[in-house]
Amino acid sequence: MKKKLLALSLPAGLILEVIYMIVNRFLCPVSDHVGYPIMIASILLMLVGIAYHGYCFGKHRSPWKF
């Protein structure tokens, strides 16, 4: 379960960022009070995902193999 969450953190961060950009650009402008926490959360998720993928790459195994 823990490995699955770590492996899915990179796509989750990217999806969160894309949803934020679509909502902000096409639907309605999002205030900074909402935008900054979303930005920080998506960056943290992407960093955790990148670090986990790098760890798995160093161990010569796939991050998607649960």
PDB file of N, CA and C in Angstrom:
ATOM      1  N   MET A   1       0.831  -1.199   0.000  1.00  0.00           N
ATOM      2  CA  MET A   1       0.000   0.000   0.000  1.00  0.00           C
ATOM      3  C   MET A   1       0.871   1.255   0.000  1.00  0.00           C
ATOM      4  N   LYS A   2       1.935   1.258   0.798  1.00  0.00           N
ATOM      5  CA  LYS A   2       2.809   2.423   0.900  1.00  0.00           C
ATOM      6  C   LYS A   2       3.528   2.673  -0.429  1.00  0.00           C
ATOM      7  N   LYS A   3       3.978   1.604  -1.086  1.00  0.00           N
ATOM      8  CA  LYS A   3       4.672   1.756  -2.361  1.00  0.00           C
ATOM      9  C   LYS A   3       3.725   2.282  -3.432  1.00  0.00           C
ATOM     10  N   LYS A   4       2.478   1.849  -3.368  1.00  0.00           N
ATOM     11  CA  LYS A   4       1.502   2.304  -4.355  1.00  0.00           C
ATOM     12  C   LYS A   4       1.253   3.807  -4.211  1.00  0.00           C
ATOM     13  N   LEU A   5       1.145   4.282  -2.976  1.00  0.00           N
ATOM     14  CA  LEU A   5       0.934   5.714  -2.751  1.00  0.00           C
ATOM     15  C   LEU A   5       2.144   6.531  -3.192  1.00  0.00           C
ATOM     16  N   LEU A   6       3.344   6.003  -2.937  1.00  0.00           N
ATOM     17  CA  LEU A   6       4.550   6.719  -3.361  1.00  0.00           C
ATOM     18  C   LEU A   6       4.656   6.769  -4.875  1.00  0.00           C
ATOM     19  N   ALA A   7       4.329   5.676  -5.535  1.00  0.00           N
ATOM     20  CA  ALA A   7       4.424   5.644  -6.990  1.00  0.00           C
ATOM     21  C   ALA A   7       3.378   6.540  -7.637  1.00  0.00           C
ATOM     22  N   LEU A   8       2.217   6.678  -7.024  1.00  0.00           N
ATOM     23  CA  LEU A   8       1.150   7.486  -7.599  1.00  0.00           C
ATOM     24  C   LEU A   8       1.217   8.960  -7.200  1.00  0.00           C
ATOM     25  N   SER A   9       2.190   9.333  -6.382  1.00  0.00           N
ATOM     26  CA  SER A   9       2.274  10.730  -5.962  1.00  0.00           C
ATOM     27  C   SER A   9       2.702  11.652  -7.102  1.00  0.00           C
ATOM     28  N   LEU A  10       3.560  11.191  -7.995  1.00  0.00           N
ATOM     29  CA  LEU A  10       3.973  12.020  -9.136  1.00  0.00           C
ATOM     30  C   LEU A  10       2.798  12.303 -10.073  1.00  0.00           C
ATOM     31  N   PRO A  11       2.052  11.282 -10.525  1.00  0.00           N
ATOM     32  CA  PRO A  11       0.885  11.607 -11.365  1.00  0.00           C
ATOM     33  C   PRO A  11      -0.177  12.424 -10.632  1.00  0.00           C
ATOM     34  N   ALA A  12      -0.342  12.200  -9.340  1.00  0.00           N
ATOM     35  CA  ALA A  12      -1.336  12.972  -8.578  1.00  0.00           C
ATOM     36  C   ALA A  12      -0.945  14.441  -8.518  1.00  0.00           C
ATOM     37  N   GLY A  13       0.326  14.727  -8.317  1.00  0.00           N
ATOM     38  CA  GLY A  13       0.788  16.112  -8.307  1.00  0.00           C
ATOM     39  C   GLY A  13       0.626  16.787  -9.654  1.00  0.00           C
ATOM     40  N   LEU A  14       0.912  16.052 -10.723  1.00  0.00           N
ATOM     41  CA  LEU A  14       0.743  16.610 -12.058  1.00  0.00           C
ATOM     42  C   LEU A  14      -0.727  16.868 -12.374  1.00  0.00           C
ATOM     43  N   ILE A  15      -1.593  15.934 -12.009  1.00  0.00           N
ATOM     44  CA  ILE A  15      -3.023  16.101 -12.253  1.00  0.00           C
ATOM     45  C   ILE A  15      -3.567  17.277 -11.452  1.00  0.00           C
ATOM     46  N   LEU A  16      -3.137  17.414 -10.206  1.00  0.00           N
ATOM     47  CA  LEU A  16      -3.571  18.541  -9.377  1.00  0.00           C
ATOM     48  C   LEU A  16      -3.154  19.867 -10.001  1.00  0.00           C
ATOM     49  N   GLU A  17      -1.949  19.940 -10.510  1.00  0.00           N
ATOM     50  CA  GLU A  17      -1.466  21.171 -11.135  1.00  0.00           C
ATOM     51  C   GLU A  17      -2.221  21.479 -12.427  1.00  0.00           C
ATOM     52  N   VAL A  18      -2.483  20.460 -13.231  1.00  0.00           N
ATOM     53  CA  VAL A  18      -3.210  20.671 -14.484  1.00  0.00           C
ATOM     54  C   VAL A  18      -4.646  21.117 -14.212  1.00  0.00           C
ATOM     55  N   ILE A  19      -5.309  20.508 -13.239  1.00  0.00           N
ATOM     56  CA  ILE A  19      -6.670  20.915 -12.888  1.00  0.00           C
ATOM     57  C   ILE A  19      -6.680  22.363 -12.408  1.00  0.00           C
ATOM     58  N   TYR A  20      -5.711  22.725 -11.586  1.00  0.00           N
ATOM     59  CA  TYR A  20      -5.626  24.111 -11.105  1.00  0.00           C
ATOM     60  C   TYR A  20      -5.432  25.083 -12.266  1.00  0.00           C
ATOM     61  N   MET A  21      -4.538  24.741 -13.196  1.00  0.00           N
ATOM     62  CA  MET A  21      -4.292  25.643 -14.319  1.00  0.00           C
ATOM     63  C   MET A  21      -5.513  25.771 -15.219  1.00  0.00           C
ATOM     64  N   ILE A  22      -6.226  24.682 -15.450  1.00  0.00           N
ATOM     65  CA  ILE A  22      -7.424  24.739 -16.289  1.00  0.00           C
ATOM     66  C   ILE A  22      -8.504  25.586 -15.622  1.00  0.00           C
ATOM     67  N   VAL A  23      -8.727  25.360 -14.333  1.00  0.00           N
ATOM     68  CA  VAL A  23      -9.748  26.134 -13.619  1.00  0.00           C
ATOM     69  C   VAL A  23      -9.371  27.607 -13.585  1.00  0.00           C
ATOM     70  N   ASN A  24      -8.116  27.902 -13.316  1.00  0.00           N
ATOM     71  CA  ASN A  24      -7.666  29.291 -13.204  1.00  0.00           C
ATOM     72  C   ASN A  24      -7.725  30.016 -14.555  1.00  0.00           C
ATOM     73  N   ARG A  25      -7.411  29.331 -15.622  1.00  0.00           N
ATOM     74  CA  ARG A  25      -7.342  29.991 -16.912  1.00  0.00           C
ATOM     75  C   ARG A  25      -8.688  30.073 -17.622  1.00  0.00           C
ATOM     76  N   PHE A  26      -9.479  29.002 -17.568  1.00  0.00           N
ATOM     77  CA  PHE A  26     -10.677  28.955 -18.399  1.00  0.00           C
ATOM     78  C   PHE A  26     -11.985  29.156 -17.641  1.00  0.00           C
ATOM     79  N   LEU A  27     -12.076  28.747 -16.398  1.00  0.00           N
ATOM     80  CA  LEU A  27     -13.352  28.842 -15.698  1.00  0.00           C
ATOM     81  C   LEU A  27     -13.483  30.134 -14.897  1.00  0.00           C
ATOM     82  N   CYS A  28     -12.626  30.295 -13.914  1.00  0.00           N
ATOM     83  CA  CYS A  28     -12.664  31.511 -13.108  1.00  0.00           C
ATOM     84  C   CYS A  28     -11.293  31.707 -12.467  1.00  0.00           C
ATOM     85  N   PRO A  29     -10.893  32.941 -12.253  1.00  0.00           N
ATOM     86  CA  PRO A  29      -9.605  33.174 -11.599  1.00  0.00           C
ATOM     87  C   PRO A  29      -9.646  32.730 -10.141  1.00  0.00           C
ATOM     88  N   VAL A  30      -8.632  32.008  -9.739  1.00  0.00           N
ATOM     89  CA  VAL A  30      -8.534  31.495  -8.376  1.00  0.00           C
ATOM     90  C   VAL A  30      -7.693  32.479  -7.569  1.00  0.00           C
ATOM     91  N   SER A  31      -8.145  32.780  -6.360  1.00  0.00           N
ATOM     92  CA  SER A  31      -7.408  33.739  -5.531  1.00  0.00           C
ATOM     93  C   SER A  31      -6.088  33.135  -5.052  1.00  0.00           C
ATOM     94  N   ASP A  32      -5.211  34.006  -4.604  1.00  0.00           N
ATOM     95  CA  ASP A  32      -3.905  33.556  -4.133  1.00  0.00           C
ATOM     96  C   ASP A  32      -4.007  32.740  -2.851  1.00  0.00           C
ATOM     97  N   HIS A  33      -5.035  32.978  -2.059  1.00  0.00           N
ATOM     98  CA  HIS A  33      -5.205  32.235  -0.810  1.00  0.00           C
ATOM     99  C   HIS A  33      -5.478  30.756  -1.074  1.00  0.00           C
ATOM    100  N   VAL A  34      -6.031  30.455  -2.203  1.00  0.00           N
ATOM    101  CA  VAL A  34      -6.297  29.065  -2.591  1.00  0.00           C
ATOM    102  C   VAL A  34      -5.184  28.542  -3.493  1.00  0.00           C
ATOM    103  N   GLY A  35      -4.642  29.394  -4.321  1.00  0.00           N
ATOM    104  CA  GLY A  35      -3.650  28.982  -5.306  1.00  0.00           C
ATOM    105  C   GLY A  35      -2.316  28.551  -4.709  1.00  0.00           C
ATOM    106  N   TYR A  36      -1.831  29.285  -3.717  1.00  0.00           N
ATOM    107  CA  TYR A  36      -0.530  28.941  -3.132  1.00  0.00           C
ATOM    108  C   TYR A  36      -0.521  27.580  -2.430  1.00  0.00           C
ATOM    109  N   PRO A  37      -1.511  27.242  -1.605  1.00  0.00           N
ATOM    110  CA  PRO A  37      -1.495  25.895  -1.010  1.00  0.00           C
ATOM    111  C   PRO A  37      -1.616  24.773  -2.042  1.00  0.00           C
ATOM    112  N   ILE A  38      -2.405  25.012  -3.089  1.00  0.00           N
ATOM    113  CA  ILE A  38      -2.507  24.002  -4.145  1.00  0.00           C
ATOM    114  C   ILE A  38      -1.172  23.842  -4.851  1.00  0.00           C
ATOM    115  N   MET A  39      -0.503  24.959  -5.116  1.00  0.00           N
ATOM    116  CA  MET A  39       0.795  24.911  -5.767  1.00  0.00           C
ATOM    117  C   MET A  39       1.823  24.181  -4.895  1.00  0.00           C
ATOM    118  N   ILE A  40       1.846  24.485  -3.618  1.00  0.00           N
ATOM    119  CA  ILE A  40       2.796  23.839  -2.711  1.00  0.00           C
ATOM    120  C   ILE A  40       2.509  22.348  -2.591  1.00  0.00           C
ATOM    121  N   ALA A  41       1.236  21.969  -2.492  1.00  0.00           N
ATOM    122  CA  ALA A  41       0.878  20.559  -2.392  1.00  0.00           C
ATOM    123  C   ALA A  41       1.261  19.805  -3.661  1.00  0.00           C
ATOM    124  N   SER A  42       1.020  20.396  -4.812  1.00  0.00           N
ATOM    125  CA  SER A  42       1.362  19.697  -6.050  1.00  0.00           C
ATOM    126  C   SER A  42       2.880  19.573  -6.217  1.00  0.00           C
ATOM    127  N   ILE A  43       3.626  20.598  -5.841  1.00  0.00           N
ATOM    128  CA  ILE A  43       5.085  20.522  -5.928  1.00  0.00           C
ATOM    129  C   ILE A  43       5.626  19.467  -4.970  1.00  0.00           C
ATOM    130  N   LEU A  44       5.096  19.413  -3.757  1.00  0.00           N
ATOM    131  CA  LEU A  44       5.549  18.395  -2.801  1.00  0.00           C
ATOM    132  C   LEU A  44       5.233  16.984  -3.295  1.00  0.00           C
ATOM    133  N   LEU A  45       4.045  16.793  -3.837  1.00  0.00           N
ATOM    134  CA  LEU A  45       3.700  15.474  -4.379  1.00  0.00           C
ATOM    135  C   LEU A  45       4.633  15.085  -5.521  1.00  0.00           C
ATOM    136  N   MET A  46       4.921  16.034  -6.406  1.00  0.00           N
ATOM    137  CA  MET A  46       5.811  15.733  -7.516  1.00  0.00           C
ATOM    138  C   MET A  46       7.232  15.433  -7.032  1.00  0.00           C
ATOM    139  N   LEU A  47       7.714  16.160  -6.030  1.00  0.00           N
ATOM    140  CA  LEU A  47       9.057  15.897  -5.506  1.00  0.00           C
ATOM    141  C   LEU A  47       9.152  14.535  -4.846  1.00  0.00           C
ATOM    142  N   VAL A  48       8.121  14.156  -4.090  1.00  0.00           N
ATOM    143  CA  VAL A  48       8.108  12.823  -3.470  1.00  0.00           C
ATOM    144  C   VAL A  48       8.093  11.751  -4.545  1.00  0.00           C
ATOM    145  N   GLY A  49       7.290  11.949  -5.576  1.00  0.00           N
ATOM    146  CA  GLY A  49       7.233  10.976  -6.665  1.00  0.00           C
ATOM    147  C   GLY A  49       8.545  10.860  -7.414  1.00  0.00           C
ATOM    148  N   ILE A  50       9.187  11.992  -7.679  1.00  0.00           N
ATOM    149  CA  ILE A  50      10.473  11.971  -8.375  1.00  0.00           C
ATOM    150  C   ILE A  50      11.533  11.287  -7.521  1.00  0.00           C
ATOM    151  N   ALA A  51      11.540  11.566  -6.227  1.00  0.00           N
ATOM    152  CA  ALA A  51      12.515  10.931  -5.339  1.00  0.00           C
ATOM    153  C   ALA A  51      12.298   9.428  -5.272  1.00  0.00           C
ATOM    154  N   TYR A  52      11.033   8.991  -5.222  1.00  0.00           N
ATOM    155  CA  TYR A  52      10.755   7.550  -5.172  1.00  0.00           C
ATOM    156  C   TYR A  52      11.152   6.873  -6.484  1.00  0.00           C
ATOM    157  N   HIS A  53      10.876   7.521  -7.595  1.00  0.00           N
ATOM    158  CA  HIS A  53      11.263   6.938  -8.880  1.00  0.00           C
ATOM    159  C   HIS A  53      12.785   6.862  -8.998  1.00  0.00           C
ATOM    160  N   GLY A  54      13.486   7.869  -8.502  1.00  0.00           N
ATOM    161  CA  GLY A  54      14.940   7.825  -8.505  1.00  0.00           C
ATOM    162  C   GLY A  54      15.491   6.741  -7.590  1.00  0.00           C
ATOM    163  N   TYR A  55      14.850   6.548  -6.445  1.00  0.00           N
ATOM    164  CA  TYR A  55      15.265   5.484  -5.529  1.00  0.00           C
ATOM    165  C   TYR A  55      15.091   4.117  -6.189  1.00  0.00           C
ATOM    166  N   CYS A  56      13.953   3.922  -6.842  1.00  0.00           N
ATOM    167  CA  CYS A  56      13.713   2.644  -7.514  1.00  0.00           C
ATOM    168  C   CYS A  56      14.662   2.454  -8.688  1.00  0.00           C
ATOM    169  N   PHE A  57      14.979   3.534  -9.391  1.00  0.00           N
ATOM    170  CA  PHE A  57      15.923   3.450 -10.499  1.00  0.00           C
ATOM    171  C   PHE A  57      17.305   3.029  -9.997  1.00  0.00           C
ATOM    172  N   GLY A  58      17.699   3.541  -8.835  1.00  0.00           N
ATOM    173  CA  GLY A  58      18.989   3.174  -8.261  1.00  0.00           C
ATOM    174  C   GLY A  58      19.043   1.726  -7.798  1.00  0.00           C
ATOM    175  N   LYS A  59      17.901   1.167  -7.427  1.00  0.00           N
ATOM    176  CA  LYS A  59      17.832  -0.226  -7.000  1.00  0.00           C
ATOM    177  C   LYS A  59      17.547  -1.181  -8.163  1.00  0.00           C
ATOM    178  N   HIS A  60      17.470  -0.657  -9.384  1.00  0.00           N
ATOM    179  CA  HIS A  60      17.195  -1.445 -10.591  1.00  0.00           C
ATOM    180  C   HIS A  60      15.873  -2.193 -10.520  1.00  0.00           C
ATOM    181  N   ARG A  61      14.832  -1.477 -10.125  1.00  0.00           N
ATOM    182  CA  ARG A  61      13.500  -2.076 -10.124  1.00  0.00           C
ATOM    183  C   ARG A  61      12.489  -1.041 -10.585  1.00  0.00           C
ATOM    184  N   SER A  62      11.341  -1.518 -10.969  1.00  0.00           N
ATOM    185  CA  SER A  62      10.308  -0.642 -11.481  1.00  0.00           C
ATOM    186  C   SER A  62       9.495  -0.048 -10.353  1.00  0.00           C
ATOM    187  N   PRO A  63       9.215   1.252 -10.377  1.00  0.00           N
ATOM    188  CA  PRO A  63       8.362   1.836  -9.326  1.00  0.00           C
ATOM    189  C   PRO A  63       6.909   1.433  -9.467  1.00  0.00           C
ATOM    190  N   TRP A  64       6.531   0.906 -10.616  1.00  0.00           N
ATOM    191  CA  TRP A  64       5.132   0.514 -10.847  1.00  0.00           C
ATOM    192  C   TRP A  64       4.872  -0.940 -10.527  1.00  0.00           C
ATOM    193  N   LYS A  65       5.883  -1.675 -10.105  1.00  0.00           N
ATOM    194  CA  LYS A  65       5.712  -3.087  -9.747  1.00  0.00           C
ATOM    195  C   LYS A  65       5.396  -3.166  -8.255  1.00  0.00           C
ATOM    196  N   PHE A  66       4.152  -3.511  -7.944  1.00  0.00           N
ATOM    197  CA  PHE A  66       3.727  -3.545  -6.547  1.00  0.00           C
ATOM    198  C   PHE A  66       3.857  -4.937  -6.043  1.00  0.00           C
TER     199      PHE A  66
END
